[in-house]
Amino acid sequence: MKLPARITLLTALTAATALAAPCLTAHAAGTDPWVRAWGENAQGQLGNGSVLAQQTPAAVIGTTRDDVRELSGGGGGTGTTANPFAVALLKDGTVKSWGSNATGQLGNGTLTAQSFPATVAGLSGVSEVSAGANHVLAVKGGRVLAWGSNASKQLGTGQDTTNPYKAPIPVQSLDKVKDVAAGCDFSVALRQDGTVWTWGKGDNGRLGTGNNTTRETPQKVPDLVDVESIAVGCDHVLALTADGIVKAWGKGAEGQLGNDSTTDSNKPVDVAYLDAVAKIFATSASGFAVLDDGSLAGWGKNTDKQLGDGTNANRTTPVVLDSIKGVQSIAGGADFTVAALDDGSVIGWGANAAAQLGDGTTTAPTGTTVALPPGSGITQVATTMTGKSAFAY
């Protein structure tokens, strides 16, 4: 009996993965070239050709670290509304995508999920990419392209429609963009002149424009200049200015604005007690800053110990995390955090019921746990936006 083409392809891909990456445990040496992924996988968001959960880092099919410039995880959550997926920007300027596709967020012209990476057709010359809850942003030649859900006008097309866009389309009225960041149902762009522009859902003040109005085209965040980098959580935004100050706006209920408050802000506010900041990172409802001296500070949601300070109390101002050193990259979903360190290791902390820490267990650690050892070659991490899947590359 002839097998259906889809089953035949899946079998071949799974076999190819097993042959290409025979050693995928947390104790593997740094000889494996593949992008790794672990945790929940019900929609194929780990990209390993299956929909089975993964307790330790496994290879993403046909995707090597040396080929990837940036990887971004989107969606997450639980139940029928979960849309976990991932996109990878390759160094040749093309983009691959995999996972859930219920709102066209894979950009492949369909609404069909896929458990292995496939190239987004007709897209090249991309310099930045970011995945939100159910949409994707990409920068090409200083212009922004978007695809996926437009239910909250997060694609910035200027068209009054909620239909999913299954292929990339231009965002209106923006040029000279150097970076983008997608949140839950809204979008952020950083222009080369240091200004920040936002569009999409305006709830909680997440657009930073002084009101809670949803915008279908980009609008400049007032009184915010000299921004060097941006980081976006589900409902909040962080911006690092040239003088090392961190600004925040949007939802503040879990302390994610870091301004000693649990109140939302529709205008940028200063994250308290921070100076000499080198890097910023936003997880689902928390924030982290790497300081010039290499130390790490965190604030925001901490109900599952995802800040790594040894408590489960939300933090409304930054707390220095003395036990965590050498951070190169941080990412986190709703209840956990992972970090790539300068020795090539990947560590994690917080909840672990879905094996989202990648240590081979489903037990939450008292401190940090190791997903990949020193010398693994990893320099960056990513997670699904509000889910329990993680990536290392």
Protein backbone atom coordinates (compact mmCIF):
# COMPACT_ATOMS: atom_id res chain seq x y z
CA MET A 1 0.00 0.00 0.00
CA LYS A 2 1.34 3.41 -0.94
CA LEU A 3 1.68 5.77 2.03
CA PRO A 4 0.25 9.29 1.80
CA ALA A 5 2.87 11.86 0.74
CA ARG A 6 2.56 13.78 4.00
CA ILE A 7 3.31 10.69 6.11
CA THR A 8 6.17 9.69 3.83
CA LEU A 9 7.72 13.16 4.11
CA LEU A 10 7.34 13.24 7.88
CA THR A 11 8.96 9.81 8.21
CA ALA A 12 11.86 10.88 6.01
CA LEU A 13 12.39 14.12 7.91
CA THR A 14 12.30 12.39 11.28
CA ALA A 15 14.82 9.81 10.09
CA ALA A 16 17.04 12.54 8.68
CA THR A 17 17.01 14.34 12.02
CA ALA A 18 18.01 11.19 13.87
CA LEU A 19 20.93 10.62 11.50
CA ALA A 20 22.08 14.24 11.42
CA ALA A 21 22.02 14.83 15.17
CA PRO A 22 22.65 11.62 17.09
CA CYS A 23 23.73 13.33 20.31
CA LEU A 24 21.17 15.73 21.72
CA THR A 25 21.40 15.49 25.49
CA ALA A 26 22.34 18.25 27.90
CA HIS A 27 25.72 16.58 28.26
CA ALA A 28 26.62 16.65 24.56
CA ALA A 29 29.92 18.14 23.50
CA GLY A 30 30.07 21.34 21.48
CA THR A 31 30.37 19.49 18.16
CA ASP A 32 26.66 19.49 17.27
CA PRO A 33 25.97 22.29 14.73
CA TRP A 34 22.18 22.40 14.99
CA VAL A 35 19.78 24.92 16.43
CA ARG A 36 18.24 23.24 19.48
CA ALA A 37 14.66 23.32 20.81
CA TRP A 38 12.78 21.80 23.75
CA GLY A 39 9.55 21.92 25.77
CA GLU A 40 5.98 21.88 24.47
CA ASN A 41 5.52 20.83 20.86
CA ALA A 42 1.81 20.19 20.21
CA GLN A 43 1.83 22.36 17.07
CA GLY A 44 5.27 21.31 15.83
CA GLN A 45 6.81 24.52 17.15
CA LEU A 46 10.11 22.79 17.98
CA GLY A 47 10.70 22.15 14.28
CA ASN A 48 11.89 18.56 14.71
CA GLY A 49 9.33 16.91 12.44
CA SER A 50 7.06 15.73 15.23
CA VAL A 51 4.43 17.04 17.64
CA LEU A 52 5.89 15.26 20.66
CA ALA A 53 7.10 17.19 23.71
CA GLN A 54 10.86 17.28 24.17
CA GLN A 55 12.53 17.19 27.61
CA THR A 56 16.06 17.87 26.36
CA PRO A 57 17.40 20.04 23.53
CA ALA A 58 16.75 18.42 20.13
CA ALA A 59 17.81 19.52 16.66
CA VAL A 60 15.63 21.80 14.57
CA ILE A 61 15.55 20.03 11.20
CA GLY A 62 18.10 21.24 8.68
CA THR A 63 18.86 24.46 10.59
CA THR A 64 22.42 25.08 11.77
CA ARG A 65 23.55 27.78 14.17
CA ASP A 66 26.05 29.10 11.66
CA ASP A 67 23.23 29.82 9.20
CA VAL A 68 20.94 31.65 11.63
CA ARG A 69 21.21 35.37 12.30
CA GLU A 70 18.12 35.65 14.50
CA LEU A 71 15.39 33.33 15.79
CA SER A 72 12.10 34.50 17.30
CA GLY A 73 9.36 32.44 18.94
CA GLY A 74 5.72 33.48 18.81
CA GLY A 75 2.39 32.48 20.25
CA GLY A 76 2.04 30.07 23.11
CA GLY A 77 -0.61 29.72 25.78
CA THR A 78 -2.81 26.67 26.15
CA GLY A 79 -5.97 25.22 24.65
CA THR A 80 -7.53 25.80 21.26
CA THR A 81 -6.37 29.42 21.07
CA ALA A 82 -2.68 28.56 21.40
CA ASN A 83 -0.69 29.41 18.29
CA PRO A 84 2.96 28.57 19.09
CA PHE A 85 5.39 28.97 16.18
CA ALA A 86 8.86 30.20 15.32
CA VAL A 87 10.65 32.12 12.58
CA ALA A 88 14.35 32.11 11.80
CA LEU A 89 16.20 34.78 9.84
CA LEU A 90 19.14 33.24 8.01
CA LYS A 91 22.37 35.07 7.28
CA ASP A 92 21.55 35.02 3.56
CA GLY A 93 18.50 37.24 4.24
CA THR A 94 15.84 34.56 3.82
CA VAL A 95 13.34 33.49 6.49
CA LYS A 96 12.16 30.06 7.60
CA SER A 97 9.07 29.37 9.69
CA TRP A 98 7.41 26.42 11.45
CA GLY A 99 4.74 25.51 14.00
CA SER A 100 1.14 26.68 14.28
CA ASN A 101 -0.33 28.55 11.32
CA ALA A 102 -3.92 29.26 12.37
CA THR A 103 -3.62 32.95 11.48
CA GLY A 104 -1.18 32.66 8.59
CA GLN A 105 1.78 33.50 10.80
CA LEU A 106 4.10 31.17 8.88
CA GLY A 107 3.75 33.43 5.83
CA ASN A 108 3.58 30.49 3.43
CA GLY A 109 0.25 31.35 1.82
CA THR A 110 -1.71 28.75 3.80
CA LEU A 111 -3.29 28.22 7.22
CA THR A 112 -1.72 24.76 7.61
CA ALA A 113 0.66 24.02 10.48
CA GLN A 114 4.04 22.46 9.75
CA SER A 115 6.43 20.69 12.13
CA PHE A 116 9.63 21.45 10.20
CA PRO A 117 11.21 24.69 8.93
CA ALA A 118 10.30 25.84 5.43
CA THR A 119 11.37 28.98 3.59
CA VAL A 120 8.91 31.87 3.38
CA ALA A 121 8.54 32.08 -0.40
CA GLY A 122 9.48 35.29 -2.19
CA LEU A 123 11.12 36.87 0.86
CA SER A 124 14.79 37.86 0.71
CA GLY A 125 17.07 40.68 1.80
CA VAL A 126 15.66 40.65 5.36
CA SER A 127 17.78 42.16 8.14
CA GLU A 128 15.53 41.73 11.23
CA VAL A 129 12.59 39.55 12.22
CA SER A 130 10.27 39.30 15.24
CA ALA A 131 7.35 37.00 16.10
CA GLY A 132 4.40 38.13 18.23
CA ALA A 133 1.42 36.25 19.60
CA ASN A 134 0.01 35.61 16.13
CA HIS A 135 1.88 37.81 13.64
CA VAL A 136 5.40 38.45 12.35
CA LEU A 137 7.38 41.58 11.49
CA ALA A 138 10.42 41.74 9.21
CA VAL A 139 12.72 44.55 8.05
CA LYS A 140 13.82 44.68 4.43
CA GLY A 141 15.76 47.65 3.09
CA GLY A 142 14.60 49.79 6.00
CA ARG A 143 10.94 49.02 5.31
CA VAL A 144 8.73 46.81 7.47
CA LEU A 145 6.83 43.78 6.18
CA ALA A 146 4.20 41.95 8.22
CA TRP A 147 2.01 38.86 8.05
CA GLY A 148 -0.37 36.80 10.18
CA SER A 149 -3.35 38.02 12.20
CA ASN A 150 -4.57 41.58 11.77
CA ALA A 151 -7.43 41.33 14.26
CA SER A 152 -6.01 44.21 16.30
CA LYS A 153 -4.52 46.11 13.34
CA GLN A 154 -1.07 44.87 14.37
CA LEU A 155 0.06 44.49 10.74
CA GLY A 156 -0.12 48.24 10.16
CA THR A 157 -1.60 47.94 6.69
CA GLY A 158 -4.02 50.84 7.11
CA GLN A 159 -6.78 48.56 5.85
CA ASP A 160 -9.83 48.02 8.00
CA THR A 161 -9.85 44.25 7.88
CA THR A 162 -9.43 41.43 10.36
CA ASN A 163 -8.63 38.79 7.76
CA PRO A 164 -5.32 36.97 8.27
CA TYR A 165 -2.55 37.85 5.83
CA LYS A 166 -0.92 34.60 4.75
CA ALA A 167 2.02 36.26 3.00
CA PRO A 168 4.19 39.32 3.77
CA ILE A 169 2.71 42.75 3.01
CA PRO A 170 4.17 46.25 3.58
CA VAL A 171 3.51 48.24 6.74
CA GLN A 172 2.44 51.77 5.87
CA SER A 173 4.46 54.95 6.28
CA LEU A 174 7.72 53.70 7.74
CA ASP A 175 11.23 53.80 6.31
CA LYS A 176 14.80 53.75 7.65
CA VAL A 177 13.82 51.15 10.24
CA LYS A 178 16.67 49.29 11.93
CA ASP A 179 14.75 46.96 14.26
CA VAL A 180 11.27 45.64 14.99
CA ALA A 181 9.61 43.86 17.91
CA ALA A 182 6.22 42.15 17.94
CA GLY A 183 4.16 41.81 21.11
CA CYS A 184 0.78 40.29 21.81
CA ASP A 185 -1.40 42.00 19.18
CA PHE A 186 0.77 45.07 18.69
CA SER A 187 3.99 46.09 16.93
CA VAL A 188 7.01 48.30 17.58
CA ALA A 189 9.66 49.68 15.23
CA LEU A 190 12.93 51.48 15.99
CA ARG A 191 14.05 53.88 13.27
CA GLN A 192 17.65 54.77 12.52
CA ASP A 193 17.08 58.26 13.95
CA GLY A 194 16.40 56.80 17.43
CA THR A 195 12.64 57.30 17.38
CA VAL A 196 10.14 54.55 18.21
CA TRP A 197 6.90 53.91 16.33
CA THR A 198 4.01 51.67 17.40
CA TRP A 199 0.73 50.33 16.04
CA GLY A 200 -1.92 47.70 16.76
CA LYS A 201 -3.84 47.06 19.96
CA GLY A 202 -3.67 49.98 22.41
CA ASP A 203 -4.96 48.32 25.59
CA ASN A 204 -2.91 48.98 28.76
CA GLY A 205 -1.21 51.88 26.97
CA ARG A 206 1.16 49.50 25.22
CA LEU A 207 1.57 51.84 22.22
CA GLY A 208 3.07 54.53 24.47
CA THR A 209 1.26 57.34 22.68
CA GLY A 210 -0.56 58.82 25.68
CA ASN A 211 -3.83 56.94 25.25
CA ASN A 212 -5.20 53.42 24.92
CA THR A 213 -6.40 53.77 21.35
CA THR A 214 -5.81 50.98 18.84
CA ARG A 215 -3.89 52.22 15.77
CA GLU A 216 -3.97 50.66 12.31
CA THR A 217 -0.90 52.60 11.08
CA PRO A 218 2.39 53.46 12.82
CA GLN A 219 2.51 56.45 15.17
CA LYS A 220 5.59 57.95 16.80
CA VAL A 221 5.97 57.56 20.57
CA PRO A 222 6.11 61.21 21.74
CA ASP A 223 9.04 62.66 23.67
CA LEU A 224 11.21 59.59 23.20
CA VAL A 225 14.53 60.11 21.42
CA ASP A 226 18.01 58.59 21.13
CA VAL A 227 16.76 55.02 21.58
CA GLU A 228 19.40 52.40 20.81
CA SER A 229 17.46 49.18 21.32
CA ILE A 230 13.95 47.91 22.06
CA ALA A 231 12.55 44.79 23.73
CA VAL A 232 8.88 43.80 23.83
CA GLY A 233 6.92 41.49 26.11
CA CYS A 234 3.35 40.39 25.68
CA ASP A 235 1.84 43.70 26.83
CA HIS A 236 4.78 45.99 27.65
CA VAL A 237 7.75 47.64 25.95
CA LEU A 238 11.30 48.45 27.07
CA ALA A 239 13.57 50.95 25.33
CA LEU A 240 17.27 51.58 26.05
CA THR A 241 18.46 55.11 25.33
CA ALA A 242 21.94 56.21 24.32
CA ASP A 243 22.67 57.47 27.84
CA GLY A 244 21.92 54.04 29.37
CA ILE A 245 18.45 54.83 30.69
CA VAL A 246 15.71 52.21 30.35
CA LYS A 247 12.20 53.44 29.51
CA ALA A 248 9.07 51.30 29.81
CA TRP A 249 5.38 51.54 29.01
CA GLY A 250 2.26 49.39 28.73
CA LYS A 251 0.87 46.93 31.23
CA GLY A 252 2.25 47.24 34.77
CA ALA A 253 0.12 44.88 36.86
CA GLU A 254 3.02 42.49 37.56
CA GLY A 255 5.60 45.23 37.99
CA GLN A 256 6.98 44.82 34.48
CA LEU A 257 7.46 48.58 34.05
CA GLY A 258 9.97 48.57 36.91
CA ASN A 259 8.89 51.99 38.19
CA ASP A 260 7.81 50.93 41.70
CA SER A 261 4.19 50.65 40.59
CA THR A 262 1.62 48.12 39.42
CA THR A 263 -0.21 50.68 37.31
CA ASP A 264 -0.33 50.68 33.52
CA SER A 265 1.35 53.58 31.73
CA ASN A 266 0.46 54.87 28.26
CA LYS A 267 3.62 57.00 28.22
CA PRO A 268 7.26 56.00 28.71
CA VAL A 269 8.43 55.96 32.33
CA ASP A 270 11.90 55.39 33.74
CA VAL A 271 12.75 51.93 35.06
CA ALA A 272 13.98 52.77 38.55
CA TYR A 273 17.45 52.31 40.02
CA LEU A 274 19.16 51.41 36.76
CA ASP A 275 22.13 53.08 35.13
CA ALA A 276 25.04 52.00 32.93
CA VAL A 277 22.83 49.45 31.14
CA ALA A 278 24.43 47.50 28.30
CA LYS A 279 21.53 45.28 27.13
CA ILE A 280 17.81 44.91 27.74
CA PHE A 281 15.55 41.88 27.37
CA ALA A 282 11.78 41.51 27.78
CA THR A 283 10.12 38.22 28.60
CA SER A 284 6.37 37.67 28.58
CA ALA A 285 5.68 39.85 31.65
CA SER A 286 9.14 40.64 33.04
CA GLY A 287 12.23 42.64 32.16
CA PHE A 288 15.98 42.07 32.47
CA ALA A 289 18.98 44.35 32.09
CA VAL A 290 22.65 43.43 31.73
CA LEU A 291 24.73 46.19 33.27
CA ASP A 292 28.09 47.47 32.07
CA ASP A 293 29.85 45.54 34.85
CA GLY A 294 28.29 42.28 33.63
CA SER A 295 25.77 41.93 36.44
CA LEU A 296 22.11 41.11 35.78
CA ALA A 297 18.99 42.78 37.14
CA GLY A 298 15.39 41.64 36.75
CA TRP A 299 11.89 42.90 37.52
CA GLY A 300 8.25 42.10 36.86
CA LYS A 301 6.28 38.88 37.12
CA ASN A 302 7.84 36.29 39.41
CA THR A 303 5.01 34.01 40.55
CA ASP A 304 6.90 30.95 39.25
CA LYS A 305 10.35 32.21 40.27
CA GLN A 306 11.07 33.26 36.68
CA LEU A 307 13.15 36.24 37.82
CA GLY A 308 15.71 33.98 39.47
CA ASP A 309 15.96 35.93 42.74
CA GLY A 310 15.01 32.97 44.93
CA THR A 311 11.52 34.27 45.69
CA ASN A 312 8.13 34.04 44.00
CA ALA A 313 7.18 37.68 44.69
CA ASN A 314 6.61 40.05 41.78
CA ARG A 315 9.22 42.82 41.68
CA THR A 316 8.14 46.36 40.86
CA THR A 317 11.74 47.60 40.71
CA PRO A 318 14.90 45.85 39.48
CA VAL A 319 16.70 43.44 41.77
CA VAL A 320 20.31 42.42 41.09
CA LEU A 321 20.66 38.67 40.53
CA ASP A 322 24.04 37.94 42.07
CA SER A 323 24.02 34.23 41.25
CA ILE A 324 23.67 34.72 37.48
CA LYS A 325 26.78 35.97 35.66
CA GLY A 326 28.00 36.25 32.08
CA VAL A 327 24.59 36.57 30.40
CA GLN A 328 24.69 37.03 26.63
CA SER A 329 21.01 36.50 25.86
CA ILE A 330 17.78 35.99 27.85
CA ALA A 331 14.28 34.91 26.81
CA GLY A 332 11.22 33.68 28.65
CA GLY A 333 7.63 32.59 28.31
CA ALA A 334 4.80 33.00 30.77
CA ASP A 335 6.41 31.10 33.65
CA PHE A 336 10.09 30.40 32.91
CA THR A 337 13.34 32.00 31.77
CA VAL A 338 16.37 30.72 29.87
CA ALA A 339 19.74 32.39 29.35
CA ALA A 340 22.81 31.84 27.19
CA LEU A 341 26.02 32.51 29.08
CA ASP A 342 29.43 33.58 27.83
CA ASP A 343 30.87 30.08 28.42
CA GLY A 344 28.47 28.61 25.84
CA SER A 345 26.11 27.08 28.37
CA VAL A 346 22.33 27.51 28.56
CA ILE A 347 20.71 27.72 31.97
CA GLY A 348 17.10 28.15 33.05
CA TRP A 349 14.93 28.89 36.04
CA GLY A 350 11.23 29.05 36.94
CA ALA A 351 8.48 26.56 36.17
CA ASN A 352 9.33 23.27 34.46
CA ALA A 353 6.15 21.17 34.34
CA ALA A 354 6.35 21.03 30.53
CA ALA A 355 10.14 20.45 30.53
CA GLN A 356 10.58 24.03 29.33
CA LEU A 357 13.94 24.28 31.12
CA GLY A 358 15.36 21.46 28.97
CA ASP A 359 17.17 19.61 31.75
CA GLY A 360 15.49 16.26 31.12
CA THR A 361 13.02 16.59 34.00
CA THR A 362 9.64 18.15 34.71
CA THR A 363 10.68 19.30 38.17
CA ALA A 364 11.09 22.98 38.98
CA PRO A 365 14.59 23.64 40.34
CA THR A 366 15.30 25.54 43.54
CA GLY A 367 17.82 27.67 41.66
CA THR A 368 19.07 27.42 38.09
CA THR A 369 19.35 24.29 35.99
CA VAL A 370 21.45 23.43 32.93
CA ALA A 371 19.97 22.67 29.51
CA LEU A 372 23.27 22.77 27.60
CA PRO A 373 26.78 22.63 29.05
CA PRO A 374 29.68 25.05 28.62
CA GLY A 375 31.28 24.80 25.20
CA SER A 376 28.03 24.00 23.40
CA GLY A 377 28.59 26.84 20.93
CA ILE A 378 25.30 28.53 21.84
CA THR A 379 25.21 32.34 22.01
CA GLN A 380 21.48 33.16 21.79
CA VAL A 381 18.18 31.89 23.19
CA ALA A 382 14.51 32.45 22.35
CA THR A 383 11.14 31.20 23.58
CA THR A 384 7.56 31.24 22.39
CA MET A 385 5.89 34.48 23.49
CA THR A 386 3.54 33.14 26.16
CA GLY A 387 4.19 29.42 25.88
CA LYS A 388 6.55 26.74 27.19
CA SER A 389 8.92 26.09 24.30
CA ALA A 390 12.54 27.24 24.06
CA PHE A 391 15.26 27.55 21.41
CA ALA A 392 19.04 27.91 21.52
CA TYR A 393 21.34 28.85 18.66
